N, C-alpha and C. Protein backbone atom coordinates (compact mmCIF):
# COMPACT_ATOMS: atom_id res chain seq x y z
N UNK A 1 9.86 -32.98 -23.14
CA UNK A 1 9.38 -31.00 -23.15
C UNK A 1 7.93 -30.53 -22.58
N UNK A 2 6.71 -31.45 -22.77
CA UNK A 2 5.85 -31.09 -22.82
C UNK A 2 5.90 -31.35 -20.58
N UNK A 3 6.26 -32.11 -20.41
CA UNK A 3 6.14 -32.53 -19.04
C UNK A 3 6.86 -31.43 -17.90
N UNK A 4 8.15 -30.94 -18.70
CA UNK A 4 8.69 -30.06 -18.03
C UNK A 4 7.96 -28.86 -17.77
N UNK A 5 6.91 -28.06 -18.81
CA UNK A 5 6.10 -27.31 -18.67
C UNK A 5 5.00 -27.21 -17.18
N UNK A 6 4.50 -28.39 -17.60
CA UNK A 6 3.46 -28.87 -16.45
C UNK A 6 4.03 -28.89 -15.26
N UNK A 7 5.36 -29.17 -15.38
CA UNK A 7 5.84 -29.49 -13.69
C UNK A 7 6.10 -28.27 -13.41
N UNK A 8 6.93 -27.15 -14.36
CA UNK A 8 6.87 -25.89 -14.31
C UNK A 8 5.60 -24.78 -13.62
N UNK A 9 4.53 -25.14 -14.11
CA UNK A 9 3.61 -24.65 -14.00
C UNK A 9 2.85 -24.89 -12.94
N UNK A 10 2.81 -26.12 -12.44
CA UNK A 10 2.40 -27.00 -11.15
C UNK A 10 2.74 -26.28 -9.57
N UNK A 11 4.55 -26.14 -9.97
CA UNK A 11 5.27 -25.61 -9.23
C UNK A 11 4.67 -24.18 -8.67
N UNK A 12 4.85 -23.18 -9.88
CA UNK A 12 4.17 -21.71 -9.79
C UNK A 12 3.08 -21.68 -9.06
N UNK A 13 1.95 -22.71 -9.61
CA UNK A 13 0.48 -22.21 -9.41
C UNK A 13 0.76 -23.18 -7.34
N UNK A 14 1.70 -23.75 -7.19
CA UNK A 14 1.88 -23.91 -5.94
C UNK A 14 2.00 -22.59 -4.86
N UNK A 15 3.23 -22.25 -5.72
CA UNK A 15 4.20 -21.20 -4.95
C UNK A 15 2.97 -19.91 -4.55
N UNK A 16 2.04 -19.65 -5.74
CA UNK A 16 1.20 -18.82 -5.56
C UNK A 16 -0.06 -18.91 -4.91
N UNK A 17 -0.66 -20.16 -4.51
CA UNK A 17 -1.27 -20.37 -3.69
C UNK A 17 -0.54 -20.06 -2.15
N UNK A 18 0.13 -20.87 -2.28
CA UNK A 18 1.23 -20.28 -0.74
C UNK A 18 1.41 -18.65 -0.16
N UNK A 19 2.02 -18.31 -0.95
CA UNK A 19 2.43 -16.87 -1.07
C UNK A 19 1.78 -15.78 -0.84
N UNK A 20 0.39 -15.67 -1.83
CA UNK A 20 -0.44 -14.77 -1.91
C UNK A 20 -1.03 -14.79 -0.75
N UNK A 21 -2.18 -15.87 -0.18
CA UNK A 21 -3.23 -15.91 0.93
C UNK A 21 -1.82 -15.16 2.25
N UNK A 22 -0.73 -15.53 2.33
CA UNK A 22 -0.13 -15.79 3.65
C UNK A 22 0.49 -14.09 3.22
N UNK A 23 0.66 -13.08 2.14
CA UNK A 23 0.93 -11.46 2.38
C UNK A 23 -0.54 -11.16 3.00
N UNK A 24 -1.67 -11.84 2.08
CA UNK A 24 -3.08 -11.07 2.81
C UNK A 24 -3.11 -11.23 3.90
N UNK A 25 -2.94 -12.38 4.52
CA UNK A 25 -2.81 -12.57 5.83
C UNK A 25 -2.05 -11.75 7.31
N UNK A 26 -1.02 -11.88 6.64
CA UNK A 26 -0.25 -10.68 7.41
C UNK A 26 -0.65 -9.45 7.05
N UNK A 27 -0.66 -8.83 6.34
CA UNK A 27 -1.21 -7.47 5.79
C UNK A 27 -2.18 -6.98 5.64
N UNK A 28 -2.84 -8.11 6.74
CA UNK A 28 -4.57 -7.65 6.48
C UNK A 28 -5.04 -6.13 7.38
N UNK A 29 -6.05 -5.83 7.07
CA UNK A 29 -6.27 -4.50 8.08
C UNK A 29 -6.64 -4.78 9.34
N UNK A 30 -5.89 -3.68 10.19
CA UNK A 30 -5.55 -4.32 11.54
C UNK A 30 -7.17 -4.07 12.50
N UNK A 31 -7.98 -3.09 11.88
CA UNK A 31 -9.44 -2.76 12.19
C UNK A 31 -10.71 -3.88 11.54
N UNK A 32 -10.53 -3.92 10.74
CA UNK A 32 -12.18 -4.71 9.82
C UNK A 32 -11.28 -6.25 9.62
N UNK A 33 -10.03 -6.48 9.38
CA UNK A 33 -9.54 -7.74 8.57
C UNK A 33 -9.60 -7.88 7.26
N UNK A 34 -10.23 -6.83 6.12
CA UNK A 34 -9.60 -6.76 5.06
C UNK A 34 -8.44 -7.73 4.77
N UNK A 35 -8.41 -8.55 3.67
CA UNK A 35 -7.46 -9.06 3.10
C UNK A 35 -6.99 -8.59 1.95
N UNK A 36 -7.82 -7.37 1.09
CA UNK A 36 -7.17 -6.70 0.30
C UNK A 36 -6.58 -5.39 0.60
N UNK A 37 -6.30 -5.10 1.93
CA UNK A 37 -5.77 -4.00 2.62
C UNK A 37 -4.48 -4.29 2.37
N UNK A 38 -3.53 -5.11 2.07
CA UNK A 38 -2.29 -4.90 2.38
C UNK A 38 -1.93 -5.04 0.46
N UNK A 39 -2.79 -5.28 -0.64
CA UNK A 39 -2.66 -5.19 -1.98
C UNK A 39 -2.93 -4.11 -2.12
N UNK A 40 -4.00 -3.36 -1.49
CA UNK A 40 -4.29 -1.78 -2.19
C UNK A 40 -4.94 -1.26 -1.23
N UNK A 41 -4.76 -0.02 -0.94
CA UNK A 41 -4.89 0.67 0.15
C UNK A 41 -4.87 2.18 -0.38
N UNK A 42 -5.55 3.13 -0.03
CA UNK A 42 -5.10 4.55 -0.08
C UNK A 42 -4.11 5.27 0.46
N UNK A 43 -3.81 6.30 0.17
CA UNK A 43 -2.70 6.94 1.01
C UNK A 43 -3.27 8.38 1.35
N UNK A 44 -2.98 8.83 2.47
CA UNK A 44 -3.30 10.07 2.87
C UNK A 44 -2.15 10.69 3.54
N UNK A 45 -1.86 11.91 4.05
CA UNK A 45 -0.51 12.71 4.59
C UNK A 45 -1.62 13.81 5.23
N UNK A 46 -0.79 14.03 6.67
CA UNK A 46 -0.96 14.92 7.34
C UNK A 46 0.56 16.02 7.59
N UNK A 47 0.47 16.81 6.54
CA UNK A 47 1.37 17.69 6.38
C UNK A 47 1.99 18.36 7.70
N UNK A 48 0.80 18.87 8.88
CA UNK A 48 1.12 19.67 10.01
C UNK A 48 1.73 18.22 11.14
N UNK A 49 1.61 17.10 11.06
CA UNK A 49 2.05 16.27 11.96
C UNK A 49 3.16 15.47 11.23
N UNK A 50 3.26 15.56 9.58
CA UNK A 50 4.40 15.09 9.45
C UNK A 50 4.10 12.88 9.16
N UNK A 51 2.97 12.78 9.21
CA UNK A 51 2.56 11.71 9.17
C UNK A 51 1.92 11.25 7.96
N UNK A 52 2.27 10.10 7.38
CA UNK A 52 1.74 9.55 6.07
C UNK A 52 1.05 8.47 6.57
N UNK A 53 -0.62 8.26 6.02
CA UNK A 53 -0.91 6.69 6.22
C UNK A 53 -1.79 5.86 5.09
N UNK A 54 -1.59 4.55 5.38
CA UNK A 54 -2.25 3.70 4.38
C UNK A 54 -3.83 3.88 5.06
N UNK A 55 -4.74 3.88 4.11
CA UNK A 55 -6.17 3.94 4.55
C UNK A 55 -6.96 2.83 4.14
N UNK A 56 -7.02 1.91 4.84
CA UNK A 56 -8.22 0.67 4.33
C UNK A 56 -9.72 1.57 3.55
N UNK A 57 -9.76 0.76 2.46
CA UNK A 57 -10.42 1.13 1.66
C UNK A 57 -12.27 0.77 2.16
N UNK A 58 -11.58 -0.49 2.60
CA UNK A 58 -13.01 -0.87 3.29
C UNK A 58 -13.85 -0.46 4.99
N UNK A 59 -12.96 0.08 5.86
CA UNK A 59 -13.33 0.77 6.88
C UNK A 59 -13.05 2.24 7.19
N UNK A 60 -12.48 2.41 6.47
CA UNK A 60 -11.73 3.87 6.86
C UNK A 60 -10.43 3.86 7.82
N UNK A 61 -10.27 2.76 8.50
CA UNK A 61 -9.03 2.80 9.17
C UNK A 61 -7.69 3.41 8.45
N UNK A 62 -6.84 4.27 9.42
CA UNK A 62 -5.83 4.55 9.09
C UNK A 62 -4.70 3.99 10.11
N UNK A 63 -3.35 3.78 9.01
CA UNK A 63 -2.35 3.33 10.07
C UNK A 63 -1.06 4.37 9.35
N UNK A 64 -0.17 4.71 10.42
CA UNK A 64 0.95 5.49 10.22
C UNK A 64 1.93 4.46 9.50
N UNK A 65 2.51 4.78 8.43
CA UNK A 65 3.39 4.08 7.30
C UNK A 65 4.40 4.79 7.09
N UNK A 66 4.71 6.06 7.46
CA UNK A 66 5.52 6.87 6.59
C UNK A 66 5.80 8.33 7.36
N UNK A 67 6.69 9.02 6.67
CA UNK A 67 6.92 10.36 7.30
C UNK A 67 7.03 11.53 5.79
N UNK A 68 6.07 12.16 6.07
CA UNK A 68 5.92 13.33 4.85
C UNK A 68 6.49 14.72 5.29
N UNK A 69 7.33 15.07 4.26
CA UNK A 69 7.83 16.41 4.19
C UNK A 69 7.22 17.66 3.76
N UNK A 70 7.12 18.85 3.99
CA UNK A 70 6.42 19.95 3.69
C UNK A 70 6.30 20.45 2.41
N UNK A 71 7.38 19.93 1.45
CA UNK A 71 7.15 19.74 0.25
C UNK A 71 6.65 18.62 -0.59
N UNK A 72 5.68 17.62 0.14
CA UNK A 72 4.83 16.77 -0.34
C UNK A 72 5.42 15.21 -0.46
N UNK A 73 7.00 15.56 -0.29
CA UNK A 73 7.54 13.95 -0.82
C UNK A 73 7.48 13.40 0.62
N UNK A 74 7.35 11.73 0.63
CA UNK A 74 7.10 11.19 1.39
C UNK A 74 8.15 9.92 1.16
N UNK A 75 8.27 9.25 2.46
CA UNK A 75 9.36 8.44 2.75
C UNK A 75 8.50 7.41 3.46
N UNK A 76 7.86 5.96 3.14
CA UNK A 76 7.38 5.11 3.69
C UNK A 76 8.33 4.06 4.49
N UNK A 77 7.67 3.94 5.69
CA UNK A 77 8.98 3.24 6.40
C UNK A 77 9.08 1.77 5.94
N UNK A 78 8.34 1.28 4.98
CA UNK A 78 8.44 -0.20 3.86
C UNK A 78 9.94 0.18 3.03
N UNK A 79 10.53 1.28 3.02
CA UNK A 79 11.06 1.70 2.36
C UNK A 79 10.86 2.67 0.77
N UNK A 80 9.75 2.60 0.40
CA UNK A 80 9.47 2.94 -0.74
C UNK A 80 9.28 4.73 -0.77
N UNK A 81 9.45 5.51 -1.70
CA UNK A 81 9.25 6.46 -1.86
C UNK A 81 7.92 6.90 -2.34
N UNK A 82 7.52 8.42 -2.44
CA UNK A 82 6.22 9.36 -3.40
C UNK A 82 6.18 10.47 -3.00
N UNK A 83 5.25 10.92 -3.85
CA UNK A 83 5.03 12.39 -2.75
C UNK A 83 3.81 12.83 -3.26
N UNK A 84 2.86 13.80 -2.47
CA UNK A 84 1.82 14.06 -2.36
C UNK A 84 1.77 15.74 -2.87
N UNK A 85 0.76 15.89 -4.14
CA UNK A 85 0.81 17.15 -4.52
C UNK A 85 0.24 18.17 -3.61
N UNK A 86 -0.30 19.27 -3.94
CA UNK A 86 -1.03 20.27 -3.13
C UNK A 86 -2.47 20.11 -2.97
N UNK A 87 -3.10 19.06 -4.07
CA UNK A 87 -4.16 18.82 -3.80
C UNK A 87 -4.52 17.93 -2.79
N UNK A 88 -3.51 16.83 -2.51
CA UNK A 88 -3.25 15.57 -1.74
C UNK A 88 -3.38 14.28 -2.43
N UNK A 89 -3.30 14.75 -3.92
CA UNK A 89 -3.22 13.30 -4.85
C UNK A 89 -2.02 13.00 -4.47
N UNK A 90 -1.53 11.54 -4.31
CA UNK A 90 -0.44 10.69 -4.36
C UNK A 90 0.19 10.01 -5.73
N UNK A 91 1.30 10.40 -5.81
CA UNK A 91 2.06 9.29 -6.98
C UNK A 91 3.13 9.04 -6.32
N UNK A 92 3.78 7.58 -6.53
CA UNK A 92 4.75 7.21 -6.06
C UNK A 92 5.22 6.07 -6.81
N UNK A 93 6.48 5.10 -6.52
CA UNK A 93 6.66 4.13 -6.67
C UNK A 93 5.98 2.77 -6.49
N UNK A 94 5.87 1.72 -7.71
CA UNK A 94 4.69 0.64 -7.13
C UNK A 94 5.59 -0.25 -6.02
N UNK A 95 4.51 -1.17 -5.72
CA UNK A 95 5.52 -2.03 -4.49
C UNK A 95 4.06 -2.91 -3.65
N UNK A 96 3.16 -2.00 -3.65
CA UNK A 96 2.20 -2.72 -2.71
C UNK A 96 2.51 -3.22 -1.28
N UNK A 97 2.51 -4.42 -0.55
CA UNK A 97 3.25 -4.35 0.62
C UNK A 97 4.54 -4.65 0.77
N UNK A 98 5.28 -4.34 -0.19
CA UNK A 98 6.42 -4.17 -0.70
C UNK A 98 7.35 -3.09 -0.92
N UNK A 99 6.27 -1.88 -0.72
CA UNK A 99 6.83 -1.07 -0.89
C UNK A 99 5.51 0.56 -0.75
N UNK A 100 5.63 1.34 -1.74
CA UNK A 100 4.46 2.15 -1.14
C UNK A 100 3.12 1.89 -1.30
N UNK A 101 2.57 0.96 -1.93
CA UNK A 101 1.72 0.68 -2.75
C UNK A 101 1.11 1.01 -3.81
N UNK A 102 1.96 1.99 -4.41
CA UNK A 102 1.94 2.72 -6.12
C UNK A 102 1.11 3.65 -5.87
N UNK A 103 1.08 4.13 -7.27
CA UNK A 103 -0.01 5.37 -7.54
C UNK A 103 -1.73 5.26 -7.78
N UNK A 104 -2.47 5.84 -6.57
CA UNK A 104 -3.38 5.46 -6.68
C UNK A 104 -4.26 6.72 -6.93
N UNK A 105 -4.06 7.75 -6.68
CA UNK A 105 -4.71 8.96 -6.28
C UNK A 105 -5.34 9.25 -5.37
N UNK A 106 -5.34 8.09 -4.35
CA UNK A 106 -5.45 8.75 -2.80
C UNK A 106 -5.71 10.20 -2.49
N UNK A 107 -5.19 10.71 -1.41
CA UNK A 107 -5.31 12.21 -1.01
C UNK A 107 -6.73 12.27 -0.56
N UNK A 108 -7.18 13.61 -0.78
CA UNK A 108 -8.34 14.07 -0.19
C UNK A 108 -8.10 14.69 0.60
N UNK A 109 -9.01 15.25 0.94
CA UNK A 109 -9.09 16.39 2.46
C UNK A 109 -7.76 17.41 2.50
N UNK A 110 -7.62 17.75 0.83
CA UNK A 110 -6.85 18.89 0.64
C UNK A 110 -5.25 18.43 1.39
N UNK A 111 -4.64 16.83 0.97
CA UNK A 111 -3.62 16.72 1.87
C UNK A 111 -2.99 16.90 3.21
N UNK A 112 -4.41 17.25 3.87
CA UNK A 112 -3.88 17.21 5.44
C UNK A 112 -4.43 15.87 5.98
N UNK A 113 -4.74 14.92 5.02
CA UNK A 113 -5.53 13.54 5.75
C UNK A 113 -6.93 13.60 6.33
N UNK A 114 -7.42 14.47 6.31
CA UNK A 114 -8.97 14.75 6.49
C UNK A 114 -9.15 15.75 7.80
N UNK A 115 -7.68 15.75 8.94
CA UNK A 115 -8.08 16.02 10.04
C UNK A 115 -7.94 17.58 10.01
């Protein structure tokens, strides 16, 4: 029984050591190369243009990743959803690179993306 547990742990560690770096590499920041960008990035919305952005926490680069409606609801291109309130703070479903990145306070700039 103990042997089976160690085999399971070894397989789990091998998969983690392969999957996480792969996700980090393919979802890194296009501007500065930050590997953390795919796991945690800020969200901003520009209500005038209807664009929602993922913003790199390291360099501030913005990438359009969704569409925002005038009421603050956002549909991310990756399939997740969320909402920007009047002050620009973001709340949404969890997901990181698999969804919208989850709730993180985001916002700023009065919800207009600082533009």
